[in-house]
Protein backbone atom coordinates (compact mmCIF):
# COMPACT_ATOMS: atom_id res chain seq x y z
CA UNK A 1 56.16 127.78 63.79
CA UNK A 2 53.03 126.22 62.46
CA UNK A 3 53.09 122.78 60.82
CA UNK A 4 53.12 123.84 57.12
CA UNK A 5 56.22 126.08 57.71
CA UNK A 6 58.08 123.21 59.72
CA UNK A 7 57.00 120.70 56.94
CA UNK A 8 58.26 123.14 54.05
CA UNK A 9 61.60 123.63 55.82
CA UNK A 10 62.08 119.66 56.55
CA UNK A 11 61.23 119.02 52.76
CA UNK A 12 63.22 121.61 51.41
CA UNK A 13 66.53 120.58 53.13
CA UNK A 14 65.84 117.00 53.22
CA UNK A 15 69.16 114.96 53.69
CA UNK A 16 68.87 113.78 50.13
CA UNK A 17 69.03 117.12 48.88
CA UNK A 18 71.39 118.77 51.32
CA UNK A 19 73.78 115.79 50.01
CA UNK A 20 73.54 117.60 46.82
CA UNK A 21 74.51 120.60 48.10
CA UNK A 22 77.47 118.60 49.68
CA UNK A 23 78.59 117.25 46.67
CA UNK A 24 77.98 120.33 44.43
CA UNK A 25 80.14 122.10 47.34
CA UNK A 26 82.86 119.67 47.04
CA UNK A 27 83.43 119.96 43.46
CA UNK A 28 83.20 123.97 43.95
CA UNK A 29 85.50 124.10 47.01
CA UNK A 30 88.20 122.03 45.83
CA UNK A 31 88.46 122.74 41.89
CA UNK A 32 91.63 120.46 41.98
CA UNK A 33 89.08 117.68 41.81
CA UNK A 34 87.97 118.50 37.87
CA UNK A 35 91.30 120.02 37.02
CA UNK A 36 92.12 118.76 33.52
CA UNK A 37 88.35 116.64 33.61
CA UNK A 38 85.91 117.21 31.10
CA UNK A 39 82.62 118.89 32.38
CA UNK A 40 80.40 115.98 30.96
CA UNK A 41 82.73 113.51 33.67
CA UNK A 42 82.56 115.93 36.27
CA UNK A 43 78.89 115.90 35.99
CA UNK A 44 78.76 111.97 35.63
CA UNK A 45 80.55 111.56 39.00
CA UNK A 46 78.40 114.17 40.76
CA UNK A 47 75.16 112.51 39.38
CA UNK A 48 76.30 109.00 40.10
CA UNK A 49 77.17 109.72 43.47
CA UNK A 50 74.00 111.51 44.06
CA UNK A 51 71.62 108.93 42.50
CA UNK A 52 73.37 105.94 44.28
CA UNK A 53 73.50 107.54 47.90
CA UNK A 54 70.53 109.55 47.63
CA UNK A 55 67.86 108.18 45.24
CA UNK A 56 68.38 104.90 45.44
CA UNK A 57 67.83 104.87 49.30
CA UNK A 58 64.47 107.23 49.02
CA UNK A 59 63.13 104.35 46.51
CA UNK A 60 64.10 101.85 48.89
CA UNK A 61 62.06 103.72 51.99
CA UNK A 62 58.97 103.97 49.39
CA UNK A 63 59.49 100.53 48.67
CA UNK A 64 59.36 99.50 52.34
CA UNK A 65 56.20 102.05 52.89
CA UNK A 66 54.42 100.36 50.20
CA UNK A 67 55.25 96.84 52.02
CA UNK A 68 54.43 98.08 55.06
CA UNK A 69 57.58 97.89 56.65
CA UNK A 70 57.53 101.29 57.87
CA UNK A 71 54.72 103.67 59.23
CA UNK A 72 55.41 107.02 57.31
CA UNK A 73 58.80 107.97 54.75
CA UNK A 74 59.83 110.33 57.37
CA UNK A 75 61.20 107.11 59.55
CA UNK A 76 59.84 108.47 62.87
CA UNK A 77 60.80 105.31 64.68
CA UNK A 78 64.37 104.23 64.67
CA UNK A 79 63.99 100.62 63.97
CA UNK A 80 62.71 101.71 60.54
CA UNK A 81 65.82 103.74 59.89
CA UNK A 82 67.98 100.60 60.43
CA UNK A 83 67.36 99.09 56.68
CA UNK A 84 67.88 102.19 54.85
CA UNK A 85 71.19 103.06 56.77
CA UNK A 86 72.60 99.55 56.23
CA UNK A 87 71.80 99.93 52.56
CA UNK A 88 73.64 103.49 52.30
CA UNK A 89 76.21 102.63 53.98
CA UNK A 90 76.63 99.67 51.46
CA UNK A 91 76.21 101.99 48.74
CA UNK A 92 78.85 104.37 50.11
CA UNK A 93 81.55 101.54 50.26
CA UNK A 94 80.77 100.31 46.76
CA UNK A 95 80.99 103.48 45.32
CA UNK A 96 84.33 103.97 47.21
CA UNK A 97 85.74 100.77 46.05
CA UNK A 98 84.99 101.55 42.47
CA UNK A 99 86.15 104.97 42.36
CA UNK A 100 89.33 103.78 43.77
CA UNK A 101 89.53 101.25 41.13
CA UNK A 102 89.15 104.07 39.04
CA UNK A 103 92.12 106.02 40.97
CA UNK A 104 89.93 108.67 41.41
CA UNK A 105 90.81 111.97 43.15
CA UNK A 106 91.86 111.17 47.07
CA UNK A 107 90.05 114.13 48.03
CA UNK A 108 86.47 112.32 46.53
CA UNK A 109 87.70 109.18 48.04
CA UNK A 110 88.14 110.78 51.46
CA UNK A 111 84.86 112.28 51.16
CA UNK A 112 83.04 109.12 50.44
CA UNK A 113 85.04 107.62 53.32
CA UNK A 114 83.87 110.60 55.31
CA UNK A 115 80.34 109.87 54.57
CA UNK A 116 80.24 106.22 55.06
CA UNK A 117 82.08 106.76 58.69
CA UNK A 118 79.04 109.51 59.31
CA UNK A 119 76.24 106.80 58.46
CA UNK A 120 78.26 104.06 60.47
CA UNK A 121 78.10 106.33 63.65
CA UNK A 122 74.72 106.92 63.14
CA UNK A 123 73.79 103.40 62.55
CA UNK A 124 75.41 102.38 65.89
CA UNK A 125 74.21 105.18 68.07
CA UNK A 126 70.52 104.70 66.22
CA UNK A 127 70.12 101.60 68.67
CA UNK A 128 70.37 103.48 71.52
CA UNK A 129 69.21 107.14 70.44
CA UNK A 130 67.53 108.87 67.84
CA UNK A 131 69.88 111.36 66.15
CA UNK A 132 68.74 113.90 63.78
CA UNK A 133 69.88 112.81 59.78
CA UNK A 134 68.83 116.85 58.61
CA UNK A 135 71.29 118.41 61.03
CA UNK A 136 73.84 115.47 60.54
CA UNK A 137 74.15 116.36 56.60
CA UNK A 138 74.20 119.96 57.30
CA UNK A 139 77.00 119.17 59.71
CA UNK A 140 78.85 117.64 56.84
CA UNK A 141 78.37 120.66 54.83
CA UNK A 142 79.91 123.01 57.32
CA UNK A 143 82.66 120.82 57.52
CA UNK A 144 83.28 121.37 53.82
CA UNK A 145 83.21 124.73 54.28
CA UNK A 146 85.79 124.55 57.32
CA UNK A 147 88.37 122.26 55.40
CA UNK A 148 88.36 124.48 52.53
CA UNK A 149 88.81 127.72 54.88
CA UNK A 150 91.74 125.79 56.58
CA UNK A 151 93.48 124.50 53.34
CA UNK A 152 93.14 127.80 50.96
CA UNK A 153 91.78 130.84 53.48
CA UNK A 154 88.98 131.45 50.96
CA UNK A 155 86.62 134.13 52.17
CA UNK A 156 83.92 132.04 53.37
CA UNK A 157 82.03 133.82 56.15
CA UNK A 158 78.90 135.25 54.36
CA UNK A 159 78.07 131.15 53.02
CA UNK A 160 79.19 129.95 56.77
CA UNK A 161 76.56 132.65 58.08
CA UNK A 162 74.14 131.48 55.87
CA UNK A 163 74.61 128.05 56.70
CA UNK A 164 74.30 128.45 60.52
CA UNK A 165 71.12 130.26 59.89
CA UNK A 166 69.83 127.35 57.78
CA UNK A 167 71.33 125.08 60.35
CA UNK A 168 68.79 126.90 62.91
CA UNK A 169 65.52 126.95 61.02
CA UNK A 170 65.73 123.14 60.16
CA UNK A 171 66.87 122.32 63.73
CA UNK A 172 63.67 124.48 65.28
CA UNK A 173 61.63 123.00 62.23
CA UNK A 174 62.52 119.42 63.50
CA UNK A 175 62.07 120.63 66.99
CA UNK A 176 58.77 122.10 66.43
CA UNK A 177 57.48 118.71 64.55
CA UNK A 178 58.16 116.92 67.54
CA UNK A 179 60.63 114.67 65.45
CA UNK A 180 63.46 115.25 67.61
CA UNK A 181 64.55 116.66 71.03
CA UNK A 182 67.39 119.34 71.18
CA UNK A 183 70.00 116.84 72.48
CA UNK A 184 69.58 114.58 69.10
CA UNK A 185 69.48 118.01 66.96
CA UNK A 186 72.84 118.59 68.24
CA UNK A 187 74.31 115.42 67.96
CA UNK A 188 73.24 115.05 64.93
CA UNK A 189 75.21 118.10 63.75
CA UNK A 190 78.42 116.85 65.85
CA UNK A 191 78.37 113.49 64.16
CA UNK A 192 77.81 114.90 60.92
CA UNK A 193 80.69 117.65 61.14
CA UNK A 194 83.46 115.96 63.02
CA UNK A 195 84.16 112.67 60.75
CA UNK A 196 83.58 114.68 57.55
CA UNK A 197 86.02 117.71 58.89
CA UNK A 198 88.93 114.86 60.49
CA UNK A 199 88.87 112.87 57.19
CA UNK A 200 89.39 115.64 54.78
């Protein structure tokens, strides 16, 4: 895999983009979330969570890069990841608090709680060991599919198969880019999957 290919795959399945996939999957796989809710309000919820938990942290990373606090926006160094992780954890907590005050559907609240749990674990482990956040977000997406299958029995095998192919591609891209080793890729996948599956 050449540099252009693994860079393209890493950008295409950037954690912020996969986070959007996760949110869309959340609303698509659990229709009870938007039962009786106007489409405009549904999209407001989705966009609010996406902007607050993905776009704002990305803006922070660019600010850190411009100010010289980090070397690259890809945050290759473990120490450079701490501030963005902390901010994102705080934002998920903020979103959870506000959605709880609005008496949002428990599935949304549990999803926010699961995302926060994933990030807290990654933040703690990051002090000792680097983890692939790319595979962590894909692990959370896989967990959403598995939770839906457990509760509804929907036929999701083609989507699960495609997800595993994407996980393989992204994992390979991160390895070829020398951003992570095999253990870091697998650990990210496990940390992303387990809390999301258990909490949901």
